[in-house]
PDB file of N, CA and C in Angstrom:
ATOM      1  N   UNK A   1      -0.204   8.449 -12.919  1.00  0.00           N
ATOM      2  CA  UNK A   1       0.707   9.456 -12.414  1.00  0.00           C
ATOM      3  C   UNK A   1       0.593  10.749 -13.214  1.00  0.00           C
ATOM      4  N   UNK A   2       0.173  10.653 -14.461  1.00  0.00           N
ATOM      5  CA  UNK A   2       0.095  11.865 -15.279  1.00  0.00           C
ATOM      6  C   UNK A   2      -0.970  12.837 -14.767  1.00  0.00           C
ATOM      7  N   UNK A   3      -1.920  12.359 -13.985  1.00  0.00           N
ATOM      8  CA  UNK A   3      -2.971  13.229 -13.454  1.00  0.00           C
ATOM      9  C   UNK A   3      -2.599  13.874 -12.125  1.00  0.00           C
ATOM     10  N   UNK A   4      -1.505  13.453 -11.531  1.00  0.00           N
ATOM     11  CA  UNK A   4      -1.055  14.011 -10.256  1.00  0.00           C
ATOM     12  C   UNK A   4      -0.163  15.223 -10.525  1.00  0.00           C
ATOM     13  N   UNK A   5      -0.553  16.360  -9.983  1.00  0.00           N
ATOM     14  CA  UNK A   5       0.224  17.576 -10.174  1.00  0.00           C
ATOM     15  C   UNK A   5       1.469  17.537  -9.303  1.00  0.00           C
ATOM     16  N   UNK A   6       2.584  17.941  -9.860  1.00  0.00           N
ATOM     17  CA  UNK A   6       3.844  17.975  -9.111  1.00  0.00           C
ATOM     18  C   UNK A   6       3.711  18.889  -7.900  1.00  0.00           C
ATOM     19  N   UNK A   7       4.149  18.387  -6.754  1.00  0.00           N
ATOM     20  CA  UNK A   7       4.126  19.177  -5.530  1.00  0.00           C
ATOM     21  C   UNK A   7       2.783  19.259  -4.836  1.00  0.00           C
ATOM     22  N   UNK A   8       1.758  18.623  -5.390  1.00  0.00           N
ATOM     23  CA  UNK A   8       0.423  18.686  -4.799  1.00  0.00           C
ATOM     24  C   UNK A   8       0.388  17.905  -3.483  1.00  0.00           C
ATOM     25  N   UNK A   9      -0.446  18.365  -2.547  1.00  0.00           N
ATOM     26  CA  UNK A   9      -0.694  17.587  -1.340  1.00  0.00           C
ATOM     27  C   UNK A   9      -1.424  16.308  -1.737  1.00  0.00           C
ATOM     28  N   UNK A  10      -1.013  15.200  -1.170  1.00  0.00           N
ATOM     29  CA  UNK A  10      -1.582  13.918  -1.574  1.00  0.00           C
ATOM     30  C   UNK A  10      -1.779  13.011  -0.369  1.00  0.00           C
ATOM     31  N   UNK A  11      -2.894  12.289  -0.373  1.00  0.00           N
ATOM     32  CA  UNK A  11      -3.162  11.266   0.636  1.00  0.00           C
ATOM     33  C   UNK A  11      -3.238   9.929  -0.084  1.00  0.00           C
ATOM     34  N   UNK A  12      -2.539   8.947   0.442  1.00  0.00           N
ATOM     35  CA  UNK A  12      -2.617   7.598  -0.106  1.00  0.00           C
ATOM     36  C   UNK A  12      -3.489   6.765   0.821  1.00  0.00           C
ATOM     37  N   UNK A  13      -4.524   6.165   0.271  1.00  0.00           N
ATOM     38  CA  UNK A  13      -5.328   5.193   0.990  1.00  0.00           C
ATOM     39  C   UNK A  13      -5.074   3.853   0.325  1.00  0.00           C
ATOM     40  N   UNK A  14      -4.387   2.980   1.018  1.00  0.00           N
ATOM     41  CA  UNK A  14      -4.058   1.658   0.486  1.00  0.00           C
ATOM     42  C   UNK A  14      -5.172   0.705   0.890  1.00  0.00           C
ATOM     43  N   UNK A  15      -6.010   0.339  -0.068  1.00  0.00           N
ATOM     44  CA  UNK A  15      -7.080  -0.622   0.168  1.00  0.00           C
ATOM     45  C   UNK A  15      -6.480  -2.014   0.023  1.00  0.00           C
ATOM     46  N   UNK A  16      -6.396  -2.735   1.109  1.00  0.00           N
ATOM     47  CA  UNK A  16      -5.747  -4.049   1.097  1.00  0.00           C
ATOM     48  C   UNK A  16      -6.435  -5.040   0.157  1.00  0.00           C
ATOM     49  N   UNK A  17      -7.718  -4.824  -0.157  1.00  0.00           N
ATOM     50  CA  UNK A  17      -8.411  -5.666  -1.133  1.00  0.00           C
ATOM     51  C   UNK A  17      -7.778  -5.579  -2.517  1.00  0.00           C
ATOM     52  N   UNK A  18      -7.042  -4.501  -2.794  1.00  0.00           N
ATOM     53  CA  UNK A  18      -6.422  -4.330  -4.110  1.00  0.00           C
ATOM     54  C   UNK A  18      -5.171  -5.190  -4.279  1.00  0.00           C
ATOM     55  N   UNK A  19      -4.647  -5.716  -3.179  1.00  0.00           N
ATOM     56  CA  UNK A  19      -3.435  -6.540  -3.247  1.00  0.00           C
ATOM     57  C   UNK A  19      -3.787  -7.985  -3.573  1.00  0.00           C
ATOM     58  N   UNK A  20      -2.859  -8.673  -4.226  1.00  0.00           N
ATOM     59  CA  UNK A  20      -3.072 -10.071  -4.575  1.00  0.00           C
ATOM     60  C   UNK A  20      -3.312 -10.905  -3.320  1.00  0.00           C
ATOM     61  N   UNK A  21      -4.251 -11.831  -3.404  1.00  0.00           N
ATOM     62  CA  UNK A  21      -4.611 -12.669  -2.257  1.00  0.00           C
ATOM     63  C   UNK A  21      -3.440 -13.506  -1.749  1.00  0.00           C
ATOM     64  N   UNK A  22      -2.452 -13.764  -2.578  1.00  0.00           N
ATOM     65  CA  UNK A  22      -1.295 -14.527  -2.147  1.00  0.00           C
ATOM     66  C   UNK A  22      -0.445 -13.803  -1.123  1.00  0.00           C
ATOM     67  N   UNK A  23      -0.475 -12.469  -1.154  1.00  0.00           N
ATOM     68  CA  UNK A  23       0.310 -11.696  -0.192  1.00  0.00           C
ATOM     69  C   UNK A  23      -0.561 -10.990   0.834  1.00  0.00           C
ATOM     70  N   UNK A  24      -1.863 -10.889   0.557  1.00  0.00           N
ATOM     71  CA  UNK A  24      -2.791 -10.219   1.471  1.00  0.00           C
ATOM     72  C   UNK A  24      -4.084 -11.028   1.547  1.00  0.00           C
ATOM     73  N   UNK A  25      -4.029 -12.168   2.265  1.00  0.00           N
ATOM     74  CA  UNK A  25      -5.208 -13.028   2.331  1.00  0.00           C
ATOM     75  C   UNK A  25      -6.277 -12.555   3.321  1.00  0.00           C
ATOM     76  N   UNK A  26      -5.926 -11.669   4.229  1.00  0.00           N
ATOM     77  CA  UNK A  26      -6.832 -11.278   5.304  1.00  0.00           C
ATOM     78  C   UNK A  26      -7.642 -10.038   4.948  1.00  0.00           C
ATOM     79  N   UNK A  27      -8.506 -10.178   3.950  1.00  0.00           N
ATOM     80  CA  UNK A  27      -9.379  -9.090   3.516  1.00  0.00           C
ATOM     81  C   UNK A  27     -10.794  -9.640   3.355  1.00  0.00           C
ATOM     82  N   UNK A  28     -11.753  -8.764   3.155  1.00  0.00           N
ATOM     83  CA  UNK A  28     -13.142  -9.202   2.982  1.00  0.00           C
ATOM     84  C   UNK A  28     -13.329  -9.998   1.691  1.00  0.00           C
ATOM     85  N   UNK A  29     -12.664  -9.586   0.619  1.00  0.00           N
ATOM     86  CA  UNK A  29     -12.844 -10.239  -0.676  1.00  0.00           C
ATOM     87  C   UNK A  29     -11.489 -10.569  -1.301  1.00  0.00           C
ATOM     88  N   UNK A  30     -10.788 -11.621  -0.806  1.00  0.00           N
ATOM     89  CA  UNK A  30      -9.494 -11.971  -1.386  1.00  0.00           C
ATOM     90  C   UNK A  30      -9.654 -12.358  -2.864  1.00  0.00           C
ATOM     91  N   UNK A  31      -8.874 -11.709  -3.723  1.00  0.00           N
ATOM     92  CA  UNK A  31      -9.005 -11.923  -5.147  1.00  0.00           C
ATOM     93  C   UNK A  31      -7.642 -12.124  -5.780  1.00  0.00           C
ATOM     94  N   UNK A  32      -7.476 -13.216  -6.522  1.00  0.00           N
ATOM     95  CA  UNK A  32      -6.200 -13.389  -7.229  1.00  0.00           C
ATOM     96  C   UNK A  32      -6.068 -12.348  -8.343  1.00  0.00           C
ATOM     97  N   UNK A  33      -4.846 -11.985  -8.639  1.00  0.00           N
ATOM     98  CA  UNK A  33      -4.611 -11.036  -9.727  1.00  0.00           C
ATOM     99  C   UNK A  33      -4.537  -9.590  -9.288  1.00  0.00           C
ATOM    100  N   UNK A  34      -4.495  -9.346  -7.999  1.00  0.00           N
ATOM    101  CA  UNK A  34      -4.372  -7.979  -7.512  1.00  0.00           C
ATOM    102  C   UNK A  34      -2.944  -7.487  -7.636  1.00  0.00           C
ATOM    103  N   UNK A  35      -2.687  -6.318  -7.079  1.00  0.00           N
ATOM    104  CA  UNK A  35      -1.346  -5.746  -7.124  1.00  0.00           C
ATOM    105  C   UNK A  35      -0.353  -6.614  -6.365  1.00  0.00           C
ATOM    106  N   UNK A  36       0.834  -6.717  -6.917  1.00  0.00           N
ATOM    107  CA  UNK A  36       1.904  -7.412  -6.205  1.00  0.00           C
ATOM    108  C   UNK A  36       2.519  -6.454  -5.190  1.00  0.00           C
ATOM    109  N   UNK A  37       3.364  -6.988  -4.322  1.00  0.00           N
ATOM    110  CA  UNK A  37       4.076  -6.150  -3.360  1.00  0.00           C
ATOM    111  C   UNK A  37       4.924  -5.114  -4.097  1.00  0.00           C
ATOM    112  N   UNK A  38       5.656  -5.569  -5.105  1.00  0.00           N
ATOM    113  CA  UNK A  38       6.526  -4.656  -5.867  1.00  0.00           C
ATOM    114  C   UNK A  38       5.730  -3.576  -6.569  1.00  0.00           C
ATOM    115  N   UNK A  39       4.610  -3.927  -7.174  1.00  0.00           N
ATOM    116  CA  UNK A  39       3.781  -2.923  -7.841  1.00  0.00           C
ATOM    117  C   UNK A  39       3.272  -1.888  -6.840  1.00  0.00           C
ATOM    118  N   UNK A  40       2.845  -2.333  -5.671  1.00  0.00           N
ATOM    119  CA  UNK A  40       2.308  -1.389  -4.695  1.00  0.00           C
ATOM    120  C   UNK A  40       3.382  -0.443  -4.174  1.00  0.00           C
ATOM    121  N   UNK A  41       4.575  -0.957  -3.863  1.00  0.00           N
ATOM    122  CA  UNK A  41       5.609  -0.047  -3.352  1.00  0.00           C
ATOM    123  C   UNK A  41       6.139   0.862  -4.454  1.00  0.00           C
ATOM    124  N   UNK A  42       6.138   0.398  -5.699  1.00  0.00           N
ATOM    125  CA  UNK A  42       6.545   1.272  -6.804  1.00  0.00           C
ATOM    126  C   UNK A  42       5.557   2.421  -6.987  1.00  0.00           C
ATOM    127  N   UNK A  43       4.260   2.136  -6.844  1.00  0.00           N
ATOM    128  CA  UNK A  43       3.252   3.194  -6.956  1.00  0.00           C
ATOM    129  C   UNK A  43       3.392   4.207  -5.821  1.00  0.00           C
ATOM    130  N   UNK A  44       3.576   3.714  -4.611  1.00  0.00           N
ATOM    131  CA  UNK A  44       3.745   4.610  -3.464  1.00  0.00           C
ATOM    132  C   UNK A  44       4.983   5.483  -3.654  1.00  0.00           C
ATOM    133  N   UNK A  45       6.077   4.885  -4.085  1.00  0.00           N
ATOM    134  CA  UNK A  45       7.319   5.620  -4.327  1.00  0.00           C
ATOM    135  C   UNK A  45       7.116   6.710  -5.374  1.00  0.00           C
ATOM    136  N   UNK A  46       6.412   6.376  -6.455  1.00  0.00           N
ATOM    137  CA  UNK A  46       6.175   7.355  -7.520  1.00  0.00           C
ATOM    138  C   UNK A  46       5.351   8.531  -7.020  1.00  0.00           C
ATOM    139  N   UNK A  47       4.332   8.248  -6.218  1.00  0.00           N
ATOM    140  CA  UNK A  47       3.498   9.330  -5.673  1.00  0.00           C
ATOM    141  C   UNK A  47       4.316  10.215  -4.744  1.00  0.00           C
ATOM    142  N   UNK A  48       5.108   9.603  -3.878  1.00  0.00           N
ATOM    143  CA  UNK A  48       5.906  10.379  -2.928  1.00  0.00           C
ATOM    144  C   UNK A  48       6.945  11.236  -3.649  1.00  0.00           C
ATOM    145  N   UNK A  49       7.540  10.709  -4.709  1.00  0.00           N
ATOM    146  CA  UNK A  49       8.534  11.488  -5.462  1.00  0.00           C
ATOM    147  C   UNK A  49       7.908  12.686  -6.158  1.00  0.00           C
ATOM    148  N   UNK A  50       6.664  12.552  -6.601  1.00  0.00           N
ATOM    149  CA  UNK A  50       6.041  13.619  -7.390  1.00  0.00           C
ATOM    150  C   UNK A  50       5.247  14.620  -6.546  1.00  0.00           C
ATOM    151  N   UNK A  51       4.751  14.194  -5.398  1.00  0.00           N
ATOM    152  CA  UNK A  51       3.859  15.058  -4.624  1.00  0.00           C
ATOM    153  C   UNK A  51       4.359  15.215  -3.195  1.00  0.00           C
ATOM    154  N   UNK A  52       3.549  15.892  -2.400  1.00  0.00           N
ATOM    155  CA  UNK A  52       3.830  16.037  -0.976  1.00  0.00           C
ATOM    156  C   UNK A  52       2.841  15.138  -0.241  1.00  0.00           C
ATOM    157  N   UNK A  53       3.330  14.026   0.303  1.00  0.00           N
ATOM    158  CA  UNK A  53       2.463  13.102   1.012  1.00  0.00           C
ATOM    159  C   UNK A  53       2.084  13.706   2.358  1.00  0.00           C
ATOM    160  N   UNK A  54       0.789  13.898   2.572  1.00  0.00           N
ATOM    161  CA  UNK A  54       0.310  14.505   3.819  1.00  0.00           C
ATOM    162  C   UNK A  54      -0.432  13.500   4.699  1.00  0.00           C
ATOM    163  N   UNK A  55      -0.789  12.337   4.132  1.00  0.00           N
ATOM    164  CA  UNK A  55      -1.472  11.309   4.919  1.00  0.00           C
ATOM    165  C   UNK A  55      -1.346   9.959   4.214  1.00  0.00           C
ATOM    166  N   UNK A  56      -1.390   8.904   5.022  1.00  0.00           N
ATOM    167  CA  UNK A  56      -1.311   7.547   4.488  1.00  0.00           C
ATOM    168  C   UNK A  56      -2.116   6.644   5.406  1.00  0.00           C
ATOM    169  N   UNK A  57      -2.979   5.822   4.826  1.00  0.00           N
ATOM    170  CA  UNK A  57      -3.672   4.838   5.644  1.00  0.00           C
ATOM    171  C   UNK A  57      -3.870   3.550   4.865  1.00  0.00           C
ATOM    172  N   UNK A  58      -4.101   2.491   5.618  1.00  0.00           N
ATOM    173  CA  UNK A  58      -4.376   1.182   5.028  1.00  0.00           C
ATOM    174  C   UNK A  58      -5.726   0.728   5.569  1.00  0.00           C
ATOM    175  N   UNK A  59      -6.601   0.284   4.657  1.00  0.00           N
ATOM    176  CA  UNK A  59      -7.946  -0.117   5.053  1.00  0.00           C
ATOM    177  C   UNK A  59      -8.270  -1.516   4.526  1.00  0.00           C
ATOM    178  N   UNK A  60      -9.353  -2.064   5.052  1.00  0.00           N
ATOM    179  CA  UNK A  60      -9.926  -3.339   4.612  1.00  0.00           C
ATOM    180  C   UNK A  60      -9.135  -4.576   5.033  1.00  0.00           C
ATOM    181  N   UNK A  61      -8.359  -4.486   6.062  1.00  0.00           N
ATOM    182  CA  UNK A  61      -7.690  -5.670   6.594  1.00  0.00           C
ATOM    183  C   UNK A  61      -8.617  -6.337   7.610  1.00  0.00           C
ATOM    184  N   UNK A  62      -8.635  -7.674   7.602  1.00  0.00           N
ATOM    185  CA  UNK A  62      -9.469  -8.439   8.525  1.00  0.00           C
ATOM    186  C   UNK A  62      -8.544  -9.372   9.318  1.00  0.00           C
ATOM    187  N   UNK A  63      -8.053  -8.925  10.469  1.00  0.00           N
ATOM    188  CA  UNK A  63      -7.070  -9.703  11.229  1.00  0.00           C
ATOM    189  C   UNK A  63      -7.508 -11.132  11.548  1.00  0.00           C
ATOM    190  N   UNK A  64      -8.800 -11.355  11.744  1.00  0.00           N
ATOM    191  CA  UNK A  64      -9.290 -12.697  12.069  1.00  0.00           C
ATOM    192  C   UNK A  64      -9.004 -13.694  10.947  1.00  0.00           C
ATOM    193  N   UNK A  65      -8.812 -13.213   9.726  1.00  0.00           N
ATOM    194  CA  UNK A  65      -8.543 -14.078   8.574  1.00  0.00           C
ATOM    195  C   UNK A  65      -7.052 -14.268   8.316  1.00  0.00           C
ATOM    196  N   UNK A  66      -6.227 -13.654   9.138  1.00  0.00           N
ATOM    197  CA  UNK A  66      -4.770 -13.712   8.948  1.00  0.00           C
ATOM    198  C   UNK A  66      -4.197 -14.844   9.799  1.00  0.00           C
ATOM    199  N   UNK A  67      -4.426 -16.061   9.360  1.00  0.00           N
ATOM    200  CA  UNK A  67      -4.078 -17.253  10.149  1.00  0.00           C
ATOM    201  C   UNK A  67      -2.581 -17.404  10.405  1.00  0.00           C
ATOM    202  N   UNK A  68      -1.739 -17.060   9.416  1.00  0.00           N
ATOM    203  CA  UNK A  68      -0.294 -17.263   9.582  1.00  0.00           C
ATOM    204  C   UNK A  68       0.501 -15.960   9.683  1.00  0.00           C
ATOM    205  N   UNK A  69      -0.190 -14.823   9.726  1.00  0.00           N
ATOM    206  CA  UNK A  69       0.490 -13.541   9.870  1.00  0.00           C
ATOM    207  C   UNK A  69       0.998 -12.927   8.576  1.00  0.00           C
ATOM    208  N   UNK A  70       0.730 -13.570   7.437  1.00  0.00           N
ATOM    209  CA  UNK A  70       1.210 -13.061   6.140  1.00  0.00           C
ATOM    210  C   UNK A  70       0.708 -11.652   5.857  1.00  0.00           C
ATOM    211  N   UNK A  71      -0.566 -11.420   6.090  1.00  0.00           N
ATOM    212  CA  UNK A  71      -1.143 -10.107   5.791  1.00  0.00           C
ATOM    213  C   UNK A  71      -0.545  -9.016   6.682  1.00  0.00           C
ATOM    214  N   UNK A  72      -0.357  -9.313   7.960  1.00  0.00           N
ATOM    215  CA  UNK A  72       0.226  -8.327   8.878  1.00  0.00           C
ATOM    216  C   UNK A  72       1.652  -7.980   8.462  1.00  0.00           C
ATOM    217  N   UNK A  73       2.419  -8.988   8.082  1.00  0.00           N
ATOM    218  CA  UNK A  73       3.797  -8.746   7.644  1.00  0.00           C
ATOM    219  C   UNK A  73       3.811  -7.920   6.364  1.00  0.00           C
ATOM    220  N   UNK A  74       2.936  -8.252   5.425  1.00  0.00           N
ATOM    221  CA  UNK A  74       2.858  -7.492   4.171  1.00  0.00           C
ATOM    222  C   UNK A  74       2.486  -6.041   4.440  1.00  0.00           C
ATOM    223  N   UNK A  75       1.479  -5.816   5.271  1.00  0.00           N
ATOM    224  CA  UNK A  75       1.055  -4.451   5.595  1.00  0.00           C
ATOM    225  C   UNK A  75       2.186  -3.671   6.267  1.00  0.00           C
ATOM    226  N   UNK A  76       2.873  -4.308   7.203  1.00  0.00           N
ATOM    227  CA  UNK A  76       3.977  -3.640   7.893  1.00  0.00           C
ATOM    228  C   UNK A  76       5.109  -3.300   6.931  1.00  0.00           C
ATOM    229  N   UNK A  77       5.403  -4.199   6.005  1.00  0.00           N
ATOM    230  CA  UNK A  77       6.470  -3.945   5.033  1.00  0.00           C
ATOM    231  C   UNK A  77       6.100  -2.802   4.093  1.00  0.00           C
ATOM    232  N   UNK A  78       4.845  -2.743   3.675  1.00  0.00           N
ATOM    233  CA  UNK A  78       4.409  -1.644   2.800  1.00  0.00           C
ATOM    234  C   UNK A  78       4.520  -0.315   3.548  1.00  0.00           C
ATOM    235  N   UNK A  79       4.059  -0.278   4.789  1.00  0.00           N
ATOM    236  CA  UNK A  79       4.160   0.951   5.585  1.00  0.00           C
ATOM    237  C   UNK A  79       5.616   1.345   5.804  1.00  0.00           C
ATOM    238  N   UNK A  80       6.474   0.374   6.143  1.00  0.00           N
ATOM    239  CA  UNK A  80       7.897   0.677   6.349  1.00  0.00           C
ATOM    240  C   UNK A  80       8.528   1.198   5.061  1.00  0.00           C
ATOM    241  N   UNK A  81       8.123   0.650   3.927  1.00  0.00           N
ATOM    242  CA  UNK A  81       8.658   1.117   2.658  1.00  0.00           C
ATOM    243  C   UNK A  81       8.205   2.547   2.376  1.00  0.00           C
ATOM    244  N   UNK A  82       6.944   2.861   2.680  1.00  0.00           N
ATOM    245  CA  UNK A  82       6.451   4.231   2.481  1.00  0.00           C
ATOM    246  C   UNK A  82       7.232   5.217   3.346  1.00  0.00           C
ATOM    247  N   UNK A  83       7.495   4.837   4.595  1.00  0.00           N
ATOM    248  CA  UNK A  83       8.293   5.708   5.477  1.00  0.00           C
ATOM    249  C   UNK A  83       9.708   5.873   4.924  1.00  0.00           C
ATOM    250  N   UNK A  84      10.278   4.801   4.389  1.00  0.00           N
ATOM    251  CA  UNK A  84      11.602   4.885   3.786  1.00  0.00           C
ATOM    252  C   UNK A  84      11.624   5.823   2.592  1.00  0.00           C
ATOM    253  N   UNK A  85      10.571   5.772   1.769  1.00  0.00           N
ATOM    254  CA  UNK A  85      10.476   6.675   0.615  1.00  0.00           C
ATOM    255  C   UNK A  85      10.433   8.133   1.076  1.00  0.00           C
ATOM    256  N   UNK A  86       9.696   8.376   2.145  1.00  0.00           N
ATOM    257  CA  UNK A  86       9.623   9.742   2.684  1.00  0.00           C
ATOM    258  C   UNK A  86      10.979  10.189   3.206  1.00  0.00           C
ATOM    259  N   UNK A  87      11.678   9.298   3.873  1.00  0.00           N
ATOM    260  CA  UNK A  87      12.994   9.645   4.431  1.00  0.00           C
ATOM    261  C   UNK A  87      13.993   9.931   3.323  1.00  0.00           C
ATOM    262  N   UNK A  88      13.915   9.192   2.239  1.00  0.00           N
ATOM    263  CA  UNK A  88      14.839   9.419   1.121  1.00  0.00           C
ATOM    264  C   UNK A  88      14.538  10.692   0.346  1.00  0.00           C
ATOM    265  N   UNK A  89      13.314  11.176   0.440  1.00  0.00           N
ATOM    266  CA  UNK A  89      12.919  12.380  -0.287  1.00  0.00           C
ATOM    267  C   UNK A  89      13.577  13.585   0.362  1.00  0.00           C
TER     268      UNK A  89
END
């Protein structure tokens, strides 16, 4: 966060491979030890508070690997949280 200038235009690209495989199993390379849900929403919140969010996307999801819908629910919750952060700003 120290490298992000206050008020700067910012785009967040959420690479789903960066999330822990327990909450985001539907990716090309599921890896244990990735970001937790709380860590990811805290990072998004910090960026939104410090900068001007101009774009947001989520990449690297593989729906065919989402057997029980966990990854879709996690992605939707992260997006909803980002929208909530914007609304609170």
